[in-house]
Amino acid sequence: MPSPLILVNLKTYKEGTGSRAHMIAQAAELVAKESGATIGVAPTYIDLHPLCHHFAIPVYAQHVDGFEPGAHTGHVTADAIKAAGAAGSLVNHSERRLTLADIEASVRALQALKMTAVVCTNNEATSAAAAGLAPEYVAIEPPELIGSGVSVSKANPDIIRRSVATVRAVNGKVKVLTGAGIQSGECVKIAVDLGTDGVLLASSVVKAKDPGAVLRDLVSKL
């Protein structure tokens, strides 16, 4: 997948479900075509299948379990999200933390089906551990800045530099995203200039009155 990646997590915001999820995906597809940027979305499970089949942008699940299909009520398998059309999944998001063993199981389940694993981390140590599992992406999000409106690119650029170096030292093939408070093209440019391969963000796009305008700003300095 071309870099940088702009990945928008719709979470379970009311503004990111149902018809709004479709509107955001439509805006992402339009801006991606206009700019040549790679923009993906991660909707709720309910919206996963329709978004995968109505739009050409990459669509990710917000979480996947490392189970084989079978008697696992309430869990979501890689086979299920593959069948829905997903390109991959977030793993270990700050709002859905897993053990290291569970992270590995989820990553392996995705990769067995040639899907993309985006493992979320909160510091250098977990970034190193995640990189050791060789996912396609490690996404660094300092938890204190998530949803704060304060961009990690500006508030804590050193954690980006150090985390990029840490991930690359463990596995140079793993790409790095950064997130938490990303809200403008300047934030994205700083992140990319610091060595990342894109950003993971949510509320600044999902809660915007005009998500397309925010997305255009996000890719404006690439």
C-alpha atoms as a PDB file:
ATOM      1  CA  MET A   1       0.000   0.000   0.000  1.00  0.00           C
ATOM      2  CA  PRO A   2       1.412   3.411  -0.952  1.00  0.00           C
ATOM      3  CA  SER A   3       2.594   5.653   1.862  1.00  0.00           C
ATOM      4  CA  PRO A   4       1.561   7.715   3.646  1.00  0.00           C
ATOM      5  CA  LEU A   5      -1.670   6.163   4.887  1.00  0.00           C
ATOM      6  CA  ILE A   6      -4.393   8.329   6.424  1.00  0.00           C
ATOM      7  CA  LEU A   7      -6.494   5.891   8.469  1.00  0.00           C
ATOM      8  CA  VAL A   8      -9.693   7.250  10.033  1.00  0.00           C
ATOM      9  CA  ASN A   9     -11.108   5.261  12.944  1.00  0.00           C
ATOM     10  CA  LEU A  10     -14.852   5.903  13.129  1.00  0.00           C
ATOM     11  CA  LYS A  11     -14.991   4.309  16.614  1.00  0.00           C
ATOM     12  CA  THR A  12     -18.594   4.067  17.837  1.00  0.00           C
ATOM     13  CA  TYR A  13     -19.347   7.761  17.569  1.00  0.00           C
ATOM     14  CA  LYS A  14     -22.926   8.494  16.504  1.00  0.00           C
ATOM     15  CA  GLU A  15     -21.366  10.757  13.888  1.00  0.00           C
ATOM     16  CA  GLY A  16     -19.499   7.741  12.467  1.00  0.00           C
ATOM     17  CA  THR A  17     -22.256   5.154  12.144  1.00  0.00           C
ATOM     18  CA  GLY A  18     -24.973   4.419   9.601  1.00  0.00           C
ATOM     19  CA  SER A  19     -25.531   7.106   6.988  1.00  0.00           C
ATOM     20  CA  ARG A  20     -22.739   9.230   8.468  1.00  0.00           C
ATOM     21  CA  ALA A  21     -20.281   6.359   8.035  1.00  0.00           C
ATOM     22  CA  HIS A  22     -21.227   6.233   4.362  1.00  0.00           C
ATOM     23  CA  MET A  23     -20.858   9.994   4.051  1.00  0.00           C
ATOM     24  CA  ILE A  24     -17.381   9.917   5.599  1.00  0.00           C
ATOM     25  CA  ALA A  25     -16.304   7.008   3.398  1.00  0.00           C
ATOM     26  CA  GLN A  26     -17.636   8.819   0.335  1.00  0.00           C
ATOM     27  CA  ALA A  27     -15.681  11.950   1.282  1.00  0.00           C
ATOM     28  CA  ALA A  28     -12.552   9.850   1.868  1.00  0.00           C
ATOM     29  CA  GLU A  29     -12.893   8.209  -1.534  1.00  0.00           C
ATOM     30  CA  LEU A  30     -13.361  11.561  -3.269  1.00  0.00           C
ATOM     31  CA  VAL A  31     -10.384  13.198  -1.527  1.00  0.00           C
ATOM     32  CA  ALA A  32      -8.226  10.147  -2.220  1.00  0.00           C
ATOM     33  CA  LYS A  33      -9.041  10.397  -5.922  1.00  0.00           C
ATOM     34  CA  GLU A  34      -8.406  14.140  -5.968  1.00  0.00           C
ATOM     35  CA  SER A  35      -5.105  13.982  -4.112  1.00  0.00           C
ATOM     36  CA  GLY A  36      -3.670  10.555  -4.874  1.00  0.00           C
ATOM     37  CA  ALA A  37      -3.384   9.949  -1.122  1.00  0.00           C
ATOM     38  CA  THR A  38      -4.286   6.631   0.472  1.00  0.00           C
ATOM     39  CA  ILE A  39      -7.191   7.140   2.859  1.00  0.00           C
ATOM     40  CA  GLY A  40      -8.803   4.281   4.748  1.00  0.00           C
ATOM     41  CA  VAL A  41     -11.607   4.034   7.288  1.00  0.00           C
ATOM     42  CA  ALA A  42     -12.284   1.704  10.209  1.00  0.00           C
ATOM     43  CA  PRO A  43     -16.043   1.550  10.869  1.00  0.00           C
ATOM     44  CA  THR A  44     -18.071  -0.475  13.350  1.00  0.00           C
ATOM     45  CA  TYR A  45     -18.756  -4.108  12.489  1.00  0.00           C
ATOM     46  CA  ILE A  46     -22.318  -3.185  11.475  1.00  0.00           C
ATOM     47  CA  ASP A  47     -21.043  -0.826   8.784  1.00  0.00           C
ATOM     48  CA  LEU A  48     -18.055  -2.933   7.709  1.00  0.00           C
ATOM     49  CA  HIS A  49     -19.710  -4.973   4.938  1.00  0.00           C
ATOM     50  CA  PRO A  50     -21.659  -2.133   3.251  1.00  0.00           C
ATOM     51  CA  LEU A  51     -18.668   0.224   3.273  1.00  0.00           C
ATOM     52  CA  CYS A  52     -16.394  -2.483   1.845  1.00  0.00           C
ATOM     53  CA  HIS A  53     -18.790  -3.079  -1.017  1.00  0.00           C
ATOM     54  CA  HIS A  54     -19.808   0.499  -1.799  1.00  0.00           C
ATOM     55  CA  PHE A  55     -16.403   2.184  -1.759  1.00  0.00           C
ATOM     56  CA  ALA A  56     -12.995   1.495  -3.293  1.00  0.00           C
ATOM     57  CA  ILE A  57     -10.945   2.824  -0.372  1.00  0.00           C
ATOM     58  CA  PRO A  58      -9.361   0.339   2.081  1.00  0.00           C
ATOM     59  CA  VAL A  59     -11.745  -0.489   4.928  1.00  0.00           C
ATOM     60  CA  TYR A  60     -10.459  -1.952   8.193  1.00  0.00           C
ATOM     61  CA  ALA A  61     -12.154  -3.616  11.142  1.00  0.00           C
ATOM     62  CA  GLN A  62     -11.629  -1.953  14.513  1.00  0.00           C
ATOM     63  CA  HIS A  63     -10.648  -5.222  16.205  1.00  0.00           C
ATOM     64  CA  VAL A  64     -10.216  -8.891  15.355  1.00  0.00           C
ATOM     65  CA  ASP A  65      -9.782 -11.950  17.563  1.00  0.00           C
ATOM     66  CA  GLY A  66      -7.188 -14.614  16.863  1.00  0.00           C
ATOM     67  CA  PHE A  67      -9.687 -17.478  16.874  1.00  0.00           C
ATOM     68  CA  GLU A  68     -10.390 -19.976  14.128  1.00  0.00           C
ATOM     69  CA  PRO A  69     -14.059 -20.120  13.076  1.00  0.00           C
ATOM     70  CA  GLY A  70     -16.021 -22.196  15.567  1.00  0.00           C
ATOM     71  CA  ALA A  71     -17.693 -21.985  18.962  1.00  0.00           C
ATOM     72  CA  HIS A  72     -16.547 -18.502  20.009  1.00  0.00           C
ATOM     73  CA  THR A  73     -19.730 -16.552  20.683  1.00  0.00           C
ATOM     74  CA  GLY A  74     -19.244 -12.795  20.712  1.00  0.00           C
ATOM     75  CA  HIS A  75     -15.823 -12.875  19.086  1.00  0.00           C
ATOM     76  CA  VAL A  76     -14.938 -11.689  15.576  1.00  0.00           C
ATOM     77  CA  THR A  77     -12.691 -13.825  13.396  1.00  0.00           C
ATOM     78  CA  ALA A  78     -10.355 -12.805  10.605  1.00  0.00           C
ATOM     79  CA  ASP A  79     -12.361 -15.061   8.298  1.00  0.00           C
ATOM     80  CA  ALA A  80     -15.495 -13.039   9.070  1.00  0.00           C
ATOM     81  CA  ILE A  81     -13.982  -9.653   8.331  1.00  0.00           C
ATOM     82  CA  LYS A  82     -12.307 -11.073   5.214  1.00  0.00           C
ATOM     83  CA  ALA A  83     -15.704 -12.264   4.000  1.00  0.00           C
ATOM     84  CA  ALA A  84     -17.088  -8.781   4.695  1.00  0.00           C
ATOM     85  CA  GLY A  85     -14.418  -7.340   2.375  1.00  0.00           C
ATOM     86  CA  ALA A  86     -12.065  -5.767   4.912  1.00  0.00           C
ATOM     87  CA  ALA A  87      -8.468  -4.990   3.985  1.00  0.00           C
ATOM     88  CA  GLY A  88      -7.327  -5.706   7.535  1.00  0.00           C
ATOM     89  CA  SER A  89      -7.897  -4.653  11.120  1.00  0.00           C
ATOM     90  CA  LEU A  90      -6.712  -2.546  13.989  1.00  0.00           C
ATOM     91  CA  VAL A  91      -5.284  -4.668  16.807  1.00  0.00           C
ATOM     92  CA  ASN A  92      -4.768  -3.614  20.441  1.00  0.00           C
ATOM     93  CA  HIS A  93      -6.335  -0.174  20.137  1.00  0.00           C
ATOM     94  CA  SER A  94      -6.141   1.820  23.373  1.00  0.00           C
ATOM     95  CA  GLU A  95      -9.877   1.242  23.827  1.00  0.00           C
ATOM     96  CA  ARG A  96      -9.527  -2.510  23.174  1.00  0.00           C
ATOM     97  CA  ARG A  97      -6.255  -3.580  24.803  1.00  0.00           C
ATOM     98  CA  LEU A  98      -5.010  -7.167  24.456  1.00  0.00           C
ATOM     99  CA  THR A  99      -2.297  -9.332  25.965  1.00  0.00           C
ATOM    100  CA  LEU A 100       0.829  -9.846  23.895  1.00  0.00           C
ATOM    101  CA  ALA A 101      -0.251 -13.439  23.212  1.00  0.00           C
ATOM    102  CA  ASP A 102      -3.637 -12.223  21.958  1.00  0.00           C
ATOM    103  CA  ILE A 103      -1.992  -9.554  19.788  1.00  0.00           C
ATOM    104  CA  GLU A 104       0.197 -12.218  18.204  1.00  0.00           C
ATOM    105  CA  ALA A 105      -2.798 -14.490  17.592  1.00  0.00           C
ATOM    106  CA  SER A 106      -4.720 -11.658  15.911  1.00  0.00           C
ATOM    107  CA  VAL A 107      -1.750 -10.668  13.746  1.00  0.00           C
ATOM    108  CA  ARG A 108      -1.162 -14.264  12.665  1.00  0.00           C
ATOM    109  CA  ALA A 109      -4.854 -14.775  11.881  1.00  0.00           C
ATOM    110  CA  LEU A 110      -4.869 -11.669   9.670  1.00  0.00           C
ATOM    111  CA  GLN A 111      -1.632 -12.505   7.903  1.00  0.00           C
ATOM    112  CA  ALA A 112      -2.756 -16.074   7.218  1.00  0.00           C
ATOM    113  CA  LEU A 113      -5.495 -14.514   5.083  1.00  0.00           C
ATOM    114  CA  LYS A 114      -3.155 -11.920   3.527  1.00  0.00           C
ATOM    115  CA  MET A 115      -4.794  -9.071   5.431  1.00  0.00           C
ATOM    116  CA  THR A 116      -3.145  -6.008   6.960  1.00  0.00           C
ATOM    117  CA  ALA A 117      -2.499  -5.838  10.702  1.00  0.00           C
ATOM    118  CA  VAL A 118      -2.276  -2.388  12.299  1.00  0.00           C
ATOM    119  CA  VAL A 119      -1.042  -2.922  15.868  1.00  0.00           C
ATOM    120  CA  CYS A 120      -1.628   0.051  18.145  1.00  0.00           C
ATOM    121  CA  THR A 121       0.919   0.839  20.868  1.00  0.00           C
ATOM    122  CA  ASN A 122       1.340   3.461  23.572  1.00  0.00           C
ATOM    123  CA  ASN A 123       5.103   3.688  24.189  1.00  0.00           C
ATOM    124  CA  GLU A 124       8.495   2.562  22.922  1.00  0.00           C
ATOM    125  CA  ALA A 125       8.544  -0.736  24.814  1.00  0.00           C
ATOM    126  CA  THR A 126       5.199  -1.895  23.429  1.00  0.00           C
ATOM    127  CA  SER A 127       6.188  -0.605  19.990  1.00  0.00           C
ATOM    128  CA  ALA A 128       9.306  -2.782  20.085  1.00  0.00           C
ATOM    129  CA  ALA A 129       7.288  -5.816  21.203  1.00  0.00           C
ATOM    130  CA  ALA A 130       4.729  -5.203  18.477  1.00  0.00           C
ATOM    131  CA  ALA A 131       7.410  -4.801  15.813  1.00  0.00           C
ATOM    132  CA  GLY A 132       8.797  -8.170  16.864  1.00  0.00           C
ATOM    133  CA  LEU A 133       5.536  -9.740  15.667  1.00  0.00           C
ATOM    134  CA  ALA A 134       6.135  -8.297  12.172  1.00  0.00           C
ATOM    135  CA  PRO A 135       2.736  -6.707  11.500  1.00  0.00           C
ATOM    136  CA  GLU A 136       2.396  -4.479   8.460  1.00  0.00           C
ATOM    137  CA  TYR A 137       1.964  -1.393  10.660  1.00  0.00           C
ATOM    138  CA  VAL A 138       2.649  -0.287  14.221  1.00  0.00           C
ATOM    139  CA  ALA A 139       0.524   2.733  15.192  1.00  0.00           C
ATOM    140  CA  ILE A 140       1.914   4.769  18.090  1.00  0.00           C
ATOM    141  CA  GLU A 141      -0.679   6.656  20.151  1.00  0.00           C
ATOM    142  CA  PRO A 142       0.263   8.241  23.490  1.00  0.00           C
ATOM    143  CA  PRO A 143      -2.956   7.607  25.461  1.00  0.00           C
ATOM    144  CA  GLU A 144      -2.937  10.951  27.255  1.00  0.00           C
ATOM    145  CA  LEU A 145      -3.336  12.768  23.917  1.00  0.00           C
ATOM    146  CA  ILE A 146      -6.072  10.602  22.370  1.00  0.00           C
ATOM    147  CA  GLY A 147      -9.175  12.733  21.800  1.00  0.00           C
ATOM    148  CA  SER A 148      -7.482  15.684  23.472  1.00  0.00           C
ATOM    149  CA  GLY A 149      -7.323  17.928  20.426  1.00  0.00           C
ATOM    150  CA  VAL A 150      -3.591  18.261  21.122  1.00  0.00           C
ATOM    151  CA  SER A 151      -1.541  16.711  18.341  1.00  0.00           C
ATOM    152  CA  VAL A 152       1.180  14.223  19.197  1.00  0.00           C
ATOM    153  CA  SER A 153       3.142  15.673  16.273  1.00  0.00           C
ATOM    154  CA  LYS A 154       3.418  18.975  18.121  1.00  0.00           C
ATOM    155  CA  ALA A 155       3.117  17.983  21.785  1.00  0.00           C
ATOM    156  CA  ASN A 156       5.501  15.040  21.805  1.00  0.00           C
ATOM    157  CA  PRO A 157       7.509  14.740  18.586  1.00  0.00           C
ATOM    158  CA  ASP A 158      10.307  12.965  20.442  1.00  0.00           C
ATOM    159  CA  ILE A 159       8.148   9.922  21.119  1.00  0.00           C
ATOM    160  CA  ILE A 160       7.553   9.693  17.371  1.00  0.00           C
ATOM    161  CA  ARG A 161      11.265   9.895  16.578  1.00  0.00           C
ATOM    162  CA  ARG A 162      12.210   7.370  19.256  1.00  0.00           C
ATOM    163  CA  SER A 163       9.386   4.988  18.411  1.00  0.00           C
ATOM    164  CA  VAL A 164      10.178   5.054  14.696  1.00  0.00           C
ATOM    165  CA  ALA A 165      13.813   4.285  15.492  1.00  0.00           C
ATOM    166  CA  THR A 166      12.795   1.510  17.893  1.00  0.00           C
ATOM    167  CA  VAL A 167      10.457  -0.158  15.410  1.00  0.00           C
ATOM    168  CA  ARG A 168      12.969   0.083  12.574  1.00  0.00           C
ATOM    169  CA  ALA A 169      15.719  -1.375  14.773  1.00  0.00           C
ATOM    170  CA  VAL A 170      13.557  -4.417  15.510  1.00  0.00           C
ATOM    171  CA  ASN A 171      12.140  -4.886  12.014  1.00  0.00           C
ATOM    172  CA  GLY A 172      12.896  -2.485   9.191  1.00  0.00           C
ATOM    173  CA  LYS A 173       9.976  -3.784   7.121  1.00  0.00           C
ATOM    174  CA  VAL A 174       7.318  -2.673   9.600  1.00  0.00           C
ATOM    175  CA  LYS A 175       5.682   0.636   8.717  1.00  0.00           C
ATOM    176  CA  VAL A 176       4.883   3.186  11.399  1.00  0.00           C
ATOM    177  CA  LEU A 177       1.759   5.290  11.884  1.00  0.00           C
ATOM    178  CA  THR A 178       1.235   7.837  14.598  1.00  0.00           C
ATOM    179  CA  GLY A 179      -1.961   9.060  16.196  1.00  0.00           C
ATOM    180  CA  ALA A 180      -3.552  11.028  19.040  1.00  0.00           C
ATOM    181  CA  GLY A 181      -4.834  14.533  18.387  1.00  0.00           C
ATOM    182  CA  ILE A 182      -3.959  14.585  14.664  1.00  0.00           C
ATOM    183  CA  GLN A 183      -6.150  17.295  13.150  1.00  0.00           C
ATOM    184  CA  SER A 184      -4.462  19.170  10.299  1.00  0.00           C
ATOM    185  CA  GLY A 185      -2.212  18.912   7.284  1.00  0.00           C
ATOM    186  CA  GLU A 186       0.582  20.409   9.353  1.00  0.00           C
ATOM    187  CA  CYS A 187       0.222  17.585  11.917  1.00  0.00           C
ATOM    188  CA  VAL A 188       0.432  14.998   9.131  1.00  0.00           C
ATOM    189  CA  LYS A 189       3.448  16.661   7.516  1.00  0.00           C
ATOM    190  CA  ILE A 190       5.320  16.786  10.828  1.00  0.00           C
ATOM    191  CA  ALA A 191       4.557  13.117  11.452  1.00  0.00           C
ATOM    192  CA  VAL A 192       5.780  12.102   8.004  1.00  0.00           C
ATOM    193  CA  ASP A 193       8.868  14.306   8.287  1.00  0.00           C
ATOM    194  CA  LEU A 194       9.656  12.533  11.570  1.00  0.00           C
ATOM    195  CA  GLY A 195       9.772   9.230   9.717  1.00  0.00           C
ATOM    196  CA  THR A 196       6.273   7.803   9.933  1.00  0.00           C
ATOM    197  CA  ASP A 197       4.319   6.227   7.089  1.00  0.00           C
ATOM    198  CA  GLY A 198       1.080   8.007   7.905  1.00  0.00           C
ATOM    199  CA  VAL A 199      -1.402   8.725  10.669  1.00  0.00           C
ATOM    200  CA  LEU A 200      -4.260   7.138  12.570  1.00  0.00           C
ATOM    201  CA  LEU A 201      -6.952   9.573  13.684  1.00  0.00           C
ATOM    202  CA  ALA A 202     -10.621   9.762  14.590  1.00  0.00           C
ATOM    203  CA  SER A 203     -12.604  12.634  16.089  1.00  0.00           C
ATOM    204  CA  SER A 204     -11.195  15.491  14.023  1.00  0.00           C
ATOM    205  CA  VAL A 205     -12.697  13.873  10.912  1.00  0.00           C
ATOM    206  CA  VAL A 206     -15.626  11.916  12.347  1.00  0.00           C
ATOM    207  CA  LYS A 207     -17.106  14.784  14.376  1.00  0.00           C
ATOM    208  CA  ALA A 208     -16.510  17.456  11.737  1.00  0.00           C
ATOM    209  CA  LYS A 209     -19.494  19.126  10.083  1.00  0.00           C
ATOM    210  CA  ASP A 210     -17.644  18.753   6.789  1.00  0.00           C
ATOM    211  CA  PRO A 211     -15.361  15.666   6.931  1.00  0.00           C
ATOM    212  CA  GLY A 212     -14.304  16.223   3.324  1.00  0.00           C
ATOM    213  CA  ALA A 213     -12.866  19.638   4.148  1.00  0.00           C
ATOM    214  CA  VAL A 214     -10.881  18.191   7.056  1.00  0.00           C
ATOM    215  CA  LEU A 215      -9.588  15.348   4.887  1.00  0.00           C
ATOM    216  CA  ARG A 216      -8.498  17.787   2.184  1.00  0.00           C
ATOM    217  CA  ASP A 217      -6.592  19.759   4.794  1.00  0.00           C
ATOM    218  CA  LEU A 218      -4.992  16.566   6.171  1.00  0.00           C
ATOM    219  CA  VAL A 219      -3.498  15.641   2.767  1.00  0.00           C
ATOM    220  CA  SER A 220      -2.765  19.220   1.673  1.00  0.00           C
ATOM    221  CA  LYS A 221       0.927  19.214   2.659  1.00  0.00           C
ATOM    222  CA  LEU A 222       1.875  15.738   1.480  1.00  0.00           C
END
